[in-house]
Amino acid sequence: MLSGAEERASAFRTRNQQGRETIWIVTEYRPQDGRVSYARAALGSNIGLVDVTCTQSAAGGTDVSVQYTLTALSESGRDFVSKFLEPEQYSQMIDEWRAATSDALAQSAAKR
């Protein structure tokens, strides 16, 4: 975390497996509506928005929609964006994100 916690205007930094740093800023935080949005900047590569919407599933549990809007900043950024948005690659990333999020939620619940 760079500032804040999870509220609007909070900022944090992540690094992917290749070491690329991304800075994130929370632009919308409405847990009561199941919504959170971020602006992100992968310096030298791409910038974009990420919108996450959670709704109650008819089968029980939660349905999650994640939408990325990315803009390349360089040739390598164009390559990244193109590959990232390929359906198979995107589905794999979302599955990894789902598993990591589920693990974090389970660990949080176990601490209570």
C-alpha atoms as a PDB file:
ATOM      1  CA  MET A   1       0.000   0.000   0.000  1.00  0.00           C
ATOM      2  CA  LEU A   2       1.231   3.461  -0.875  1.00  0.00           C
ATOM      3  CA  SER A   3      -1.684   5.311   0.726  1.00  0.00           C
ATOM      4  CA  GLY A   4      -5.110   4.621   2.174  1.00  0.00           C
ATOM      5  CA  ALA A   5      -6.615   1.178   2.635  1.00  0.00           C
ATOM      6  CA  GLU A   6      -9.381   0.265   0.212  1.00  0.00           C
ATOM      7  CA  GLU A   7     -11.314   3.504  -0.085  1.00  0.00           C
ATOM      8  CA  ARG A   8     -11.410   5.794  -3.124  1.00  0.00           C
ATOM      9  CA  ALA A   9      -8.022   7.427  -3.853  1.00  0.00           C
ATOM     10  CA  SER A  10      -6.056   4.661  -2.122  1.00  0.00           C
ATOM     11  CA  ALA A  11      -2.921   3.717  -4.032  1.00  0.00           C
ATOM     12  CA  PHE A  12      -0.869   0.537  -4.131  1.00  0.00           C
ATOM     13  CA  ARG A  13       1.894  -1.099  -6.130  1.00  0.00           C
ATOM     14  CA  THR A  14       2.186  -4.633  -7.535  1.00  0.00           C
ATOM     15  CA  ARG A  15       4.884  -6.535  -9.433  1.00  0.00           C
ATOM     16  CA  ASN A  16       4.163  -9.332 -11.884  1.00  0.00           C
ATOM     17  CA  GLN A  17       6.246 -12.499 -12.255  1.00  0.00           C
ATOM     18  CA  GLN A  18       8.549 -10.732 -14.721  1.00  0.00           C
ATOM     19  CA  GLY A  19       9.155  -7.895 -12.232  1.00  0.00           C
ATOM     20  CA  ARG A  20       7.077  -5.233 -14.054  1.00  0.00           C
ATOM     21  CA  GLU A  21       5.751  -2.713 -11.556  1.00  0.00           C
ATOM     22  CA  THR A  22       2.175  -1.460 -11.791  1.00  0.00           C
ATOM     23  CA  ILE A  23       0.750   1.438  -9.785  1.00  0.00           C
ATOM     24  CA  TRP A  24      -2.967   1.224  -8.959  1.00  0.00           C
ATOM     25  CA  ILE A  25      -5.373   3.917  -7.728  1.00  0.00           C
ATOM     26  CA  VAL A  26      -8.862   3.109  -6.468  1.00  0.00           C
ATOM     27  CA  THR A  27     -11.249   5.301  -8.466  1.00  0.00           C
ATOM     28  CA  GLU A  28     -14.513   3.860  -7.167  1.00  0.00           C
ATOM     29  CA  TYR A  29     -15.177   1.866  -4.007  1.00  0.00           C
ATOM     30  CA  ARG A  30     -18.795   0.876  -3.381  1.00  0.00           C
ATOM     31  CA  PRO A  31     -18.852  -2.466  -1.556  1.00  0.00           C
ATOM     32  CA  GLN A  32     -22.550  -2.066  -0.759  1.00  0.00           C
ATOM     33  CA  ASP A  33     -23.179  -2.148  -4.542  1.00  0.00           C
ATOM     34  CA  GLY A  34     -20.559  -4.809  -5.248  1.00  0.00           C
ATOM     35  CA  ARG A  35     -18.369  -2.393  -7.278  1.00  0.00           C
ATOM     36  CA  VAL A  36     -14.761  -1.329  -7.298  1.00  0.00           C
ATOM     37  CA  SER A  37     -12.778   0.348 -10.068  1.00  0.00           C
ATOM     38  CA  TYR A  38      -9.106   1.116 -10.504  1.00  0.00           C
ATOM     39  CA  ALA A  39      -6.870   3.209 -12.705  1.00  0.00           C
ATOM     40  CA  ARG A  40      -3.545   1.470 -13.339  1.00  0.00           C
ATOM     41  CA  ALA A  41      -0.193   2.359 -14.866  1.00  0.00           C
ATOM     42  CA  ALA A  42       2.435  -0.196 -15.852  1.00  0.00           C
ATOM     43  CA  LEU A  43       5.177   2.347 -16.470  1.00  0.00           C
ATOM     44  CA  GLY A  44       6.689   2.156 -19.934  1.00  0.00           C
ATOM     45  CA  SER A  45       4.118  -0.420 -21.016  1.00  0.00           C
ATOM     46  CA  ASN A  46       0.434   0.457 -20.640  1.00  0.00           C
ATOM     47  CA  ILE A  47      -2.208   2.352 -18.711  1.00  0.00           C
ATOM     48  CA  GLY A  48      -5.820   1.482 -18.160  1.00  0.00           C
ATOM     49  CA  LEU A  49      -8.952   1.027 -16.130  1.00  0.00           C
ATOM     50  CA  VAL A  50     -10.228  -2.073 -14.350  1.00  0.00           C
ATOM     51  CA  ASP A  51     -13.881  -2.373 -13.338  1.00  0.00           C
ATOM     52  CA  VAL A  52     -14.997  -5.174 -10.999  1.00  0.00           C
ATOM     53  CA  THR A  53     -18.668  -5.892 -10.356  1.00  0.00           C
ATOM     54  CA  CYS A  54     -19.934  -8.578  -7.976  1.00  0.00           C
ATOM     55  CA  THR A  55     -23.524  -9.850  -8.018  1.00  0.00           C
ATOM     56  CA  GLN A  56     -25.313 -12.587  -6.164  1.00  0.00           C
ATOM     57  CA  SER A  57     -25.382 -15.796  -8.194  1.00  0.00           C
ATOM     58  CA  ALA A  58     -28.690 -17.574  -8.744  1.00  0.00           C
ATOM     59  CA  ALA A  59     -26.871 -20.814  -7.861  1.00  0.00           C
ATOM     60  CA  GLY A  60     -25.502 -19.303  -4.637  1.00  0.00           C
ATOM     61  CA  GLY A  61     -22.205 -17.562  -4.130  1.00  0.00           C
ATOM     62  CA  THR A  62     -21.028 -14.590  -6.147  1.00  0.00           C
ATOM     63  CA  ASP A  63     -20.669 -13.862  -9.855  1.00  0.00           C
ATOM     64  CA  VAL A  64     -17.764 -11.536 -10.630  1.00  0.00           C
ATOM     65  CA  SER A  65     -17.329  -9.481 -13.810  1.00  0.00           C
ATOM     66  CA  VAL A  66     -13.898  -7.967 -14.501  1.00  0.00           C
ATOM     67  CA  GLN A  67     -13.418  -5.549 -17.396  1.00  0.00           C
ATOM     68  CA  TYR A  68     -10.031  -4.176 -18.462  1.00  0.00           C
ATOM     69  CA  THR A  69      -9.590  -1.184 -20.757  1.00  0.00           C
ATOM     70  CA  LEU A  70      -5.906  -0.860 -21.668  1.00  0.00           C
ATOM     71  CA  THR A  71      -3.873   1.584 -23.753  1.00  0.00           C
ATOM     72  CA  ALA A  72      -0.331   0.755 -24.844  1.00  0.00           C
ATOM     73  CA  LEU A  73       2.446   3.278 -24.176  1.00  0.00           C
ATOM     74  CA  SER A  74       5.169   1.595 -26.228  1.00  0.00           C
ATOM     75  CA  GLU A  75       5.818  -1.160 -28.749  1.00  0.00           C
ATOM     76  CA  SER A  76       6.364  -3.660 -25.933  1.00  0.00           C
ATOM     77  CA  GLY A  77       3.155  -2.312 -24.374  1.00  0.00           C
ATOM     78  CA  ARG A  78       1.269  -3.026 -27.614  1.00  0.00           C
ATOM     79  CA  ASP A  79       2.565  -6.597 -27.515  1.00  0.00           C
ATOM     80  CA  PHE A  80       1.519  -6.948 -23.867  1.00  0.00           C
ATOM     81  CA  VAL A  81      -1.982  -5.526 -24.424  1.00  0.00           C
ATOM     82  CA  SER A  82      -2.528  -7.685 -27.512  1.00  0.00           C
ATOM     83  CA  LYS A  83      -1.516 -10.880 -25.692  1.00  0.00           C
ATOM     84  CA  PHE A  84      -3.258  -9.948 -22.431  1.00  0.00           C
ATOM     85  CA  LEU A  85      -6.602  -9.474 -24.170  1.00  0.00           C
ATOM     86  CA  GLU A  86      -6.461 -12.750 -26.151  1.00  0.00           C
ATOM     87  CA  PRO A  87      -9.443 -14.803 -24.886  1.00  0.00           C
ATOM     88  CA  GLU A  88      -7.387 -17.806 -23.747  1.00  0.00           C
ATOM     89  CA  GLN A  89      -4.756 -15.663 -21.999  1.00  0.00           C
ATOM     90  CA  TYR A  90      -7.393 -13.442 -20.374  1.00  0.00           C
ATOM     91  CA  SER A  91      -9.368 -16.466 -19.129  1.00  0.00           C
ATOM     92  CA  GLN A  92      -6.201 -17.952 -17.623  1.00  0.00           C
ATOM     93  CA  MET A  93      -5.381 -14.676 -15.860  1.00  0.00           C
ATOM     94  CA  ILE A  94      -8.937 -14.381 -14.494  1.00  0.00           C
ATOM     95  CA  ASP A  95      -8.796 -17.997 -13.224  1.00  0.00           C
ATOM     96  CA  GLU A  96      -5.487 -17.254 -11.449  1.00  0.00           C
ATOM     97  CA  TRP A  97      -6.985 -14.048 -10.030  1.00  0.00           C
ATOM     98  CA  ARG A  98     -10.085 -15.976  -8.826  1.00  0.00           C
ATOM     99  CA  ALA A  99      -7.943 -18.607  -7.092  1.00  0.00           C
ATOM    100  CA  ALA A 100      -5.703 -15.999  -5.413  1.00  0.00           C
ATOM    101  CA  THR A 101      -8.726 -13.984  -4.278  1.00  0.00           C
ATOM    102  CA  SER A 102     -10.482 -17.083  -2.923  1.00  0.00           C
ATOM    103  CA  ASP A 103      -7.342 -18.072  -0.997  1.00  0.00           C
ATOM    104  CA  ALA A 104      -6.992 -14.566   0.473  1.00  0.00           C
ATOM    105  CA  LEU A 105     -10.651 -14.527   1.538  1.00  0.00           C
ATOM    106  CA  ALA A 106     -10.319 -17.981   3.149  1.00  0.00           C
ATOM    107  CA  GLN A 107      -7.216 -16.866   5.068  1.00  0.00           C
ATOM    108  CA  SER A 108      -8.986 -13.702   6.202  1.00  0.00           C
ATOM    109  CA  ALA A 109     -12.013 -15.696   7.401  1.00  0.00           C
ATOM    110  CA  ALA A 110      -9.761 -18.137   9.293  1.00  0.00           C
ATOM    111  CA  LYS A 111      -8.161 -15.237  11.227  1.00  0.00           C
ATOM    112  CA  ARG A 112     -11.524 -14.016  12.546  1.00  0.00           C
END
